[in-house]
Amino acid sequence: MHFLLRRLLCRSKDFFSPGSASVGRGSSPIAPPTPRPSTFSFSLLPVQIEALRERLRQKGFEMRALEHGLFEGRGPSVIVRAYRSRKVLIQGSGAADFVEMFLEPEILREARMGYEEALDPAECLPHAGSDECGKGDFFGPLIVAATYVDPEIAPVLRQLGVRDSKEVKSDLRAIRLSEEIRKAVRGLYSVVVLGPAKYNELYCRFGNLNRLLAWAHATALAELLRKIPSCPRALVDQFAKTPVLERALERQGLSLPVEQRPRAESDIAVAAASLLARGEFLRRLALLGKEAGMTLPKGASSPVLKAAREMVRRQGSERLRTLVKVHFRTFAQAAGEVGLPLSQPEVAGGSTATSATPSSCAPPSRGYDGVDEVKT
């Protein structure tokens, strides 16, 4: 790790010194330098966050209270926000210099930026990643996306600021990032879209959410491999016991080695897939809301139940079925008021789900191979 020490020593120049930022970055009269990222996210220890707060005060940053967070520090070219989750978000035209010349040498005590490949070389090697969005949302579709990365694609995704979609708080930014990712991976992605009608049909056929998810992930990976047959492996954010996905992959005829890992969104390919899935979910949810004549909220909380009841009041329970995942308990709570048959709670399904029963399932129209769209 001696190269990291050398890197830190090279970064010892004070970011806060006049004229230190964005100077001598290898610019050339022949070609301008590559644009540097303007957004960074780090997970810090509590003691590091307190050290950061104190150093920002000492350096004259304007310190403010942060709603749902710890603090916000504003400098001339950078904004630093620290959250209770221990995440620190750094944004602005001087963000890259701030990270390189101050945060890493003084707070983190390690060099990360620009050495991602050295710190995690496997992330840059050719592989695929898949993730889903919408499984916890009452309204809207289920989306599963898969993306491919290699040593050329991975750095471009990093430059875009690709990270786990849960860390991207703005829906608008998530949509924009998803559009940039499609370009960055040069078309090497697939998106499986299960609208509410097809989702409800397949849920009844599979009788289990994890088996449905496994089928969708296997389908997305199979579609991606048709574009890049040389892909050597894949990584999936783990959602069930390992054999569940393995059986689905076998049914697709895939011999691709697939690793299932909790919190796999830290991998660049899975993070890109996560953002692709979220962007597509948000677009589809907005279209459904436009068709329904009302805004459809995300999640499965009390505002969602309120919107579902309003939909039943306006357009009836059968219209609600076309917009939602009917095995959620929210459907029973909203539609039960007009006398619809209710399904029984599923023991392992948590507080939002109910099991599929003959009374809650419409007759299936096709087999497992039907999806609203496999977007490639």
Protein backbone atom coordinates (compact mmCIF):
# COMPACT_ATOMS: atom_id res chain seq x y z
CA MET A 1 0.00 0.00 0.00
CA HIS A 2 3.01 2.30 -0.34
CA PHE A 3 1.44 3.89 -3.43
CA LEU A 4 -1.41 5.16 -1.22
CA LEU A 5 1.05 6.80 1.16
CA ARG A 6 2.77 8.51 -1.74
CA ARG A 7 -0.60 9.68 -3.04
CA LEU A 8 -1.53 11.15 0.33
CA LEU A 9 1.80 12.96 0.58
CA CYS A 10 1.21 14.43 -2.86
CA ARG A 11 -2.13 15.70 -1.62
CA SER A 12 -0.72 17.47 1.41
CA LYS A 13 -1.17 20.94 -0.13
CA ASP A 14 -3.93 22.74 1.75
CA PHE A 15 -7.20 22.84 -0.21
CA PHE A 16 -8.09 26.04 1.64
CA SER A 17 -4.96 27.91 0.51
CA PRO A 18 -5.64 30.71 -2.02
CA GLY A 19 -5.46 29.43 -5.58
CA SER A 20 -4.95 25.81 -4.55
CA ALA A 21 -8.10 24.41 -6.08
CA SER A 22 -8.19 23.28 -9.70
CA VAL A 23 -4.60 24.38 -10.41
CA GLY A 24 -2.09 22.31 -12.35
CA ARG A 25 -4.46 19.47 -13.20
CA GLY A 26 -2.56 18.34 -16.23
CA SER A 27 -4.32 20.65 -18.70
CA SER A 28 -2.84 20.78 -22.15
CA PRO A 29 -3.03 23.21 -25.05
CA ILE A 30 -3.89 20.21 -27.25
CA ALA A 31 -6.83 18.72 -25.33
CA PRO A 32 -8.80 19.96 -22.32
CA PRO A 33 -8.73 17.82 -19.18
CA THR A 34 -11.49 15.30 -18.57
CA PRO A 35 -14.32 16.87 -16.51
CA ARG A 36 -14.00 15.89 -12.86
CA PRO A 37 -16.91 14.57 -10.78
CA SER A 38 -18.82 17.20 -8.82
CA THR A 39 -20.57 14.84 -6.38
CA PHE A 40 -19.04 12.41 -3.88
CA SER A 41 -20.54 10.25 -1.15
CA PHE A 42 -18.62 8.71 1.77
CA SER A 43 -19.53 6.68 4.82
CA LEU A 44 -17.61 8.07 7.82
CA LEU A 45 -17.20 7.02 11.42
CA PRO A 46 -18.80 9.29 14.06
CA VAL A 47 -15.38 10.49 15.20
CA GLN A 48 -14.47 11.38 11.60
CA ILE A 49 -17.71 13.32 11.16
CA GLU A 50 -17.01 15.35 14.30
CA ALA A 51 -13.45 16.01 13.13
CA LEU A 52 -14.81 17.13 9.78
CA ARG A 53 -17.31 19.48 11.44
CA GLU A 54 -14.59 21.08 13.58
CA ARG A 55 -12.13 21.50 10.70
CA LEU A 56 -14.80 23.11 8.52
CA ARG A 57 -15.55 25.58 11.31
CA GLN A 58 -11.85 26.37 11.66
CA LYS A 59 -11.56 26.98 7.92
CA GLY A 60 -14.42 29.47 7.86
CA PHE A 61 -17.15 27.35 6.27
CA GLU A 62 -20.68 28.67 6.83
CA MET A 63 -22.18 26.02 9.13
CA ARG A 64 -25.92 25.41 9.05
CA ALA A 65 -28.38 22.98 10.60
CA LEU A 66 -29.46 20.25 8.18
CA GLU A 67 -33.01 18.95 8.20
CA HIS A 68 -32.96 15.18 8.75
CA GLY A 69 -29.20 15.41 9.08
CA LEU A 70 -26.30 16.55 11.25
CA PHE A 71 -24.92 19.66 9.57
CA GLU A 72 -24.23 21.46 6.34
CA GLY A 73 -21.03 23.37 5.61
CA ARG A 74 -20.84 25.85 2.72
CA GLY A 75 -17.57 26.99 1.22
CA PRO A 76 -16.80 29.06 -1.90
CA SER A 77 -16.87 26.07 -4.28
CA VAL A 78 -18.14 23.13 -2.25
CA ILE A 79 -21.07 22.12 -0.02
CA VAL A 80 -20.60 19.39 2.59
CA ARG A 81 -23.65 17.67 4.11
CA ALA A 82 -23.43 15.10 6.92
CA TYR A 83 -26.39 12.82 7.68
CA ARG A 84 -27.41 10.75 10.70
CA SER A 85 -26.83 7.63 8.61
CA ARG A 86 -23.10 8.61 8.71
CA LYS A 87 -23.17 9.43 5.01
CA VAL A 88 -21.32 12.56 3.97
CA LEU A 89 -22.28 14.14 0.64
CA ILE A 90 -19.85 16.55 -1.05
CA GLN A 91 -21.00 18.63 -4.01
CA GLY A 92 -19.81 21.57 -6.07
CA SER A 93 -17.25 22.57 -8.67
CA GLY A 94 -14.49 22.19 -6.07
CA ALA A 95 -15.68 18.84 -4.72
CA ALA A 96 -12.92 16.76 -6.34
CA ASP A 97 -10.19 19.04 -5.01
CA PHE A 98 -11.80 19.08 -1.57
CA VAL A 99 -11.78 15.27 -1.44
CA GLU A 100 -8.25 14.88 -2.78
CA MET A 101 -6.54 17.71 -0.91
CA PHE A 102 -8.43 17.77 2.39
CA LEU A 103 -10.90 14.99 3.15
CA GLU A 104 -8.65 12.06 2.23
CA PRO A 105 -5.36 13.20 3.80
CA GLU A 106 -6.84 14.86 6.92
CA ILE A 107 -10.04 12.98 7.73
CA LEU A 108 -10.08 9.60 5.96
CA ARG A 109 -6.31 9.08 6.13
CA GLU A 110 -6.49 7.03 2.96
CA ALA A 111 -6.57 7.71 -0.78
CA ARG A 112 -9.68 6.52 -2.59
CA MET A 113 -10.47 8.84 -5.48
CA GLY A 114 -8.62 7.88 -8.63
CA TYR A 115 -7.56 4.54 -7.12
CA GLU A 116 -10.89 2.71 -7.26
CA GLU A 117 -9.44 0.07 -9.58
CA ALA A 118 -6.47 -0.54 -7.26
CA LEU A 119 -8.69 -0.65 -4.18
CA ASP A 120 -11.28 -2.96 -5.75
CA PRO A 121 -9.82 -4.41 -8.98
CA ALA A 122 -12.63 -6.97 -9.42
CA GLU A 123 -15.16 -4.15 -9.83
CA CYS A 124 -13.46 -3.01 -13.04
CA LEU A 125 -13.16 -6.44 -14.60
CA PRO A 126 -15.82 -7.48 -17.14
CA HIS A 127 -19.03 -8.58 -15.38
CA ALA A 128 -22.76 -7.95 -15.16
CA GLY A 129 -24.90 -6.74 -12.28
CA SER A 130 -28.65 -6.79 -11.72
CA ASP A 131 -31.04 -5.14 -9.27
CA GLU A 132 -34.74 -4.38 -8.97
CA CYS A 133 -37.05 -1.51 -8.09
CA GLY A 134 -40.72 -1.45 -7.16
CA LYS A 135 -41.08 -4.62 -5.10
CA GLY A 136 -41.96 -2.57 -2.01
CA ASP A 137 -44.24 -0.15 -3.87
CA PHE A 138 -48.00 -0.76 -3.89
CA PHE A 139 -48.62 1.32 -7.01
CA GLY A 140 -46.73 0.75 -10.22
CA PRO A 141 -44.61 -1.93 -11.85
CA LEU A 142 -41.78 -4.17 -10.80
CA ILE A 143 -38.59 -3.38 -12.73
CA VAL A 144 -35.47 -5.52 -12.92
CA ALA A 145 -32.41 -4.20 -14.77
CA ALA A 146 -29.06 -5.73 -15.66
CA THR A 147 -25.96 -3.89 -16.87
CA TYR A 148 -22.51 -4.87 -18.11
CA VAL A 149 -19.25 -3.15 -17.19
CA ASP A 150 -15.63 -3.57 -18.20
CA PRO A 151 -12.40 -1.55 -17.71
CA GLU A 152 -13.60 1.03 -20.24
CA ILE A 153 -17.17 1.42 -18.96
CA ALA A 154 -16.51 1.41 -15.19
CA PRO A 155 -14.48 4.68 -15.11
CA VAL A 156 -17.17 6.46 -17.15
CA LEU A 157 -19.83 5.35 -14.68
CA ARG A 158 -17.70 6.65 -11.81
CA GLN A 159 -17.31 9.99 -13.56
CA LEU A 160 -21.10 10.20 -13.73
CA GLY A 161 -21.30 9.66 -9.97
CA VAL A 162 -23.05 6.29 -10.23
CA ARG A 163 -23.76 4.76 -6.84
CA ASP A 164 -26.52 2.83 -5.10
CA SER A 165 -29.83 4.44 -6.10
CA LYS A 166 -30.90 4.58 -2.45
CA GLU A 167 -28.19 7.21 -1.92
CA VAL A 168 -29.62 9.36 -4.72
CA LYS A 169 -32.35 11.23 -2.89
CA SER A 170 -33.72 13.21 -5.84
CA ASP A 171 -36.06 11.35 -8.19
CA LEU A 172 -35.22 13.78 -10.97
CA ARG A 173 -31.50 13.13 -10.56
CA ALA A 174 -32.14 9.36 -10.55
CA ILE A 175 -33.99 9.64 -13.86
CA ARG A 176 -31.23 11.76 -15.39
CA LEU A 177 -28.54 9.37 -14.17
CA SER A 178 -30.43 6.41 -15.62
CA GLU A 179 -30.44 8.13 -19.00
CA GLU A 180 -26.70 8.78 -18.80
CA ILE A 181 -26.05 5.17 -17.79
CA ARG A 182 -27.81 3.88 -20.91
CA LYS A 183 -25.34 5.87 -23.01
CA ALA A 184 -22.30 5.01 -20.88
CA VAL A 185 -22.75 1.23 -21.10
CA ARG A 186 -23.10 1.49 -24.89
CA GLY A 187 -26.41 -0.35 -25.00
CA LEU A 188 -25.16 -3.29 -22.93
CA TYR A 189 -28.12 -3.41 -20.56
CA SER A 190 -31.57 -4.95 -20.31
CA VAL A 191 -34.70 -3.85 -18.46
CA VAL A 192 -37.56 -6.20 -17.61
CA VAL A 193 -40.81 -4.34 -16.98
CA LEU A 194 -43.72 -6.04 -15.22
CA GLY A 195 -46.70 -3.72 -15.19
CA PRO A 196 -49.31 -4.28 -12.47
CA ALA A 197 -51.50 -6.59 -14.57
CA LYS A 198 -48.64 -8.89 -15.59
CA TYR A 199 -47.07 -8.69 -12.11
CA ASN A 200 -50.32 -9.83 -10.48
CA GLU A 201 -50.72 -12.63 -13.01
CA LEU A 202 -47.20 -13.94 -12.49
CA TYR A 203 -47.42 -13.56 -8.71
CA CYS A 204 -50.42 -15.90 -8.80
CA ARG A 205 -48.57 -18.36 -11.02
CA PHE A 206 -45.43 -18.39 -8.86
CA GLY A 207 -47.28 -17.98 -5.57
CA ASN A 208 -44.19 -16.40 -4.02
CA LEU A 209 -42.48 -13.04 -4.47
CA ASN A 210 -38.94 -14.40 -4.27
CA ARG A 211 -39.57 -16.93 -7.06
CA LEU A 212 -41.04 -14.15 -9.17
CA LEU A 213 -38.00 -11.96 -8.50
CA ALA A 214 -35.67 -14.83 -9.37
CA TRP A 215 -37.44 -15.33 -12.70
CA ALA A 216 -37.21 -11.61 -13.49
CA HIS A 217 -33.49 -11.41 -12.61
CA ALA A 218 -32.74 -14.52 -14.67
CA THR A 219 -34.71 -13.06 -17.59
CA ALA A 220 -32.83 -9.76 -17.41
CA LEU A 221 -29.45 -11.53 -17.31
CA ALA A 222 -30.44 -13.82 -20.19
CA GLU A 223 -31.41 -10.80 -22.32
CA LEU A 224 -28.13 -9.08 -21.48
CA LEU A 225 -26.09 -12.14 -22.38
CA ARG A 226 -27.67 -12.19 -25.81
CA LYS A 227 -25.90 -8.88 -26.37
CA ILE A 228 -22.60 -9.76 -24.69
CA PRO A 229 -22.17 -13.57 -24.71
CA SER A 230 -18.56 -13.19 -23.54
CA CYS A 231 -19.66 -11.82 -20.13
CA PRO A 232 -17.78 -14.06 -17.66
CA ARG A 233 -19.83 -13.56 -14.46
CA ALA A 234 -22.64 -11.64 -12.79
CA LEU A 235 -23.38 -10.15 -9.38
CA VAL A 236 -26.90 -9.86 -7.95
CA ASP A 237 -28.08 -8.05 -4.85
CA GLN A 238 -29.26 -10.99 -2.75
CA PHE A 239 -33.02 -11.12 -2.14
CA ALA A 240 -33.57 -14.81 -1.25
CA LYS A 241 -31.73 -18.01 -0.45
CA THR A 242 -29.16 -18.90 -3.08
CA PRO A 243 -30.97 -21.94 -4.62
CA VAL A 244 -34.03 -19.84 -5.51
CA LEU A 245 -32.11 -17.81 -8.11
CA GLU A 246 -29.99 -20.76 -9.17
CA ARG A 247 -33.09 -22.72 -10.19
CA ALA A 248 -34.41 -19.75 -12.18
CA LEU A 249 -31.07 -19.41 -13.98
CA GLU A 250 -31.11 -23.11 -14.85
CA ARG A 251 -34.58 -22.77 -16.35
CA GLN A 252 -33.22 -19.99 -18.57
CA GLY A 253 -30.41 -22.31 -19.66
CA LEU A 254 -27.77 -20.01 -18.19
CA SER A 255 -24.44 -21.48 -17.07
CA LEU A 256 -23.13 -18.03 -16.14
CA PRO A 257 -21.48 -17.93 -12.69
CA VAL A 258 -23.69 -15.65 -10.58
CA GLU A 259 -22.71 -14.41 -7.12
CA GLN A 260 -25.49 -13.30 -4.78
CA ARG A 261 -24.32 -10.80 -2.19
CA PRO A 262 -26.13 -8.67 0.41
CA ARG A 263 -25.73 -4.94 -0.23
CA ALA A 264 -24.21 -5.63 -3.64
CA GLU A 265 -25.14 -2.09 -4.73
CA SER A 266 -21.61 -1.09 -3.70
CA ASP A 267 -20.49 -2.75 -6.96
CA ILE A 268 -20.50 -0.38 -9.93
CA ALA A 269 -22.47 -2.76 -12.21
CA VAL A 270 -25.17 -3.41 -9.61
CA ALA A 271 -25.33 0.30 -8.75
CA ALA A 272 -25.85 1.13 -12.42
CA ALA A 273 -28.57 -1.53 -12.67
CA SER A 274 -30.18 -0.14 -9.52
CA LEU A 275 -30.39 3.33 -11.05
CA LEU A 276 -31.64 2.01 -14.40
CA ALA A 277 -34.41 0.13 -12.59
CA ARG A 278 -35.34 3.12 -10.45
CA GLY A 279 -35.41 5.52 -13.40
CA GLU A 280 -37.69 3.20 -15.36
CA PHE A 281 -39.94 2.66 -12.34
CA LEU A 282 -40.36 6.41 -11.81
CA ARG A 283 -41.18 6.99 -15.47
CA ARG A 284 -43.74 4.17 -15.51
CA LEU A 285 -45.32 5.28 -12.24
CA ALA A 286 -45.75 8.80 -13.62
CA LEU A 287 -47.40 7.45 -16.78
CA LEU A 288 -49.79 5.29 -14.74
CA GLY A 289 -50.68 8.31 -12.62
CA LYS A 290 -51.38 10.38 -15.72
CA GLU A 291 -53.67 7.66 -17.06
CA ALA A 292 -55.42 7.37 -13.69
CA GLY A 293 -55.84 11.11 -13.35
CA MET A 294 -54.05 11.38 -10.01
CA THR A 295 -50.56 11.28 -8.52
CA LEU A 296 -49.62 7.77 -7.43
CA PRO A 297 -47.34 7.85 -4.35
CA LYS A 298 -44.37 5.54 -3.85
CA GLY A 299 -44.05 2.94 -1.10
CA ALA A 300 -46.82 1.37 0.98
CA SER A 301 -47.39 3.86 3.80
CA SER A 302 -50.51 5.66 5.02
CA PRO A 303 -50.45 8.24 2.15
CA VAL A 304 -50.49 5.31 -0.26
CA LEU A 305 -53.54 3.80 1.46
CA LYS A 306 -55.25 7.17 1.33
CA ALA A 307 -54.59 7.43 -2.43
CA ALA A 308 -55.85 3.86 -2.96
CA ARG A 309 -59.09 4.59 -1.14
CA GLU A 310 -59.53 7.73 -3.19
CA MET A 311 -59.04 5.71 -6.37
CA VAL A 312 -61.72 3.22 -5.26
CA ARG A 313 -64.06 6.10 -4.46
CA ARG A 314 -63.50 7.77 -7.84
CA GLN A 315 -63.18 4.89 -10.27
CA GLY A 316 -63.99 1.67 -8.43
CA SER A 317 -62.04 -1.29 -7.12
CA GLU A 318 -61.49 -2.93 -10.50
CA ARG A 319 -59.68 0.16 -11.71
CA LEU A 320 -57.49 0.01 -8.62
CA ARG A 321 -56.49 -3.55 -9.57
CA THR A 322 -54.95 -2.29 -12.80
CA LEU A 323 -52.61 0.06 -10.93
CA VAL A 324 -51.38 -1.94 -7.95
CA LYS A 325 -49.88 -5.16 -6.63
CA VAL A 326 -52.98 -6.84 -5.26
CA HIS A 327 -51.21 -9.14 -2.78
CA PHE A 328 -50.26 -6.13 -0.66
CA ARG A 329 -52.39 -5.74 2.45
CA THR A 330 -53.03 -2.18 1.31
CA PHE A 331 -55.31 -3.57 -1.41
CA ALA A 332 -57.40 -5.43 1.13
CA GLN A 333 -57.61 -2.32 3.29
CA ALA A 334 -58.65 -0.07 0.42
CA ALA A 335 -60.86 -2.37 -1.63
CA GLY A 336 -62.37 -4.30 1.27
CA GLU A 337 -64.52 -1.30 2.11
CA VAL A 338 -66.65 -2.04 -0.97
CA GLY A 339 -67.06 -5.74 -0.22
CA LEU A 340 -64.28 -7.32 -2.28
CA PRO A 341 -63.05 -10.75 -1.09
CA LEU A 342 -59.93 -10.41 1.01
CA SER A 343 -56.87 -12.67 0.95
CA GLN A 344 -55.35 -14.01 4.16
CA PRO A 345 -52.11 -12.58 5.65
CA GLU A 346 -48.95 -14.35 4.60
CA VAL A 347 -46.90 -15.28 7.69
CA ALA A 348 -43.53 -14.45 6.14
CA GLY A 349 -44.73 -11.59 4.00
CA GLY A 350 -44.33 -8.74 6.48
CA SER A 351 -46.82 -5.99 7.13
CA THR A 352 -47.49 -5.02 3.53
CA ALA A 353 -48.09 -8.34 1.79
CA THR A 354 -50.82 -10.95 1.67
CA SER A 355 -50.71 -14.35 0.06
CA ALA A 356 -52.13 -15.04 -3.37
CA THR A 357 -55.49 -16.81 -3.17
CA PRO A 358 -58.09 -17.77 -5.80
CA SER A 359 -60.23 -14.84 -4.74
CA SER A 360 -57.44 -12.29 -5.27
CA CYS A 361 -55.91 -13.77 -8.45
CA ALA A 362 -57.20 -13.18 -11.95
CA PRO A 363 -56.93 -16.19 -14.32
CA PRO A 364 -53.51 -16.13 -16.01
CA SER A 365 -53.44 -15.41 -19.72
CA ARG A 366 -49.95 -16.72 -20.54
CA GLY A 367 -47.12 -18.72 -19.05
CA TYR A 368 -43.96 -17.55 -17.34
CA ASP A 369 -42.47 -16.19 -20.55
CA GLY A 370 -44.81 -13.21 -20.79
CA VAL A 371 -43.67 -9.74 -19.71
CA ASP A 372 -44.96 -6.29 -20.52
CA GLU A 373 -41.58 -5.40 -21.95
CA VAL A 374 -38.01 -6.57 -22.05
CA LYS A 375 -36.35 -3.27 -22.80
CA THR A 376 -32.94 -3.60 -24.44
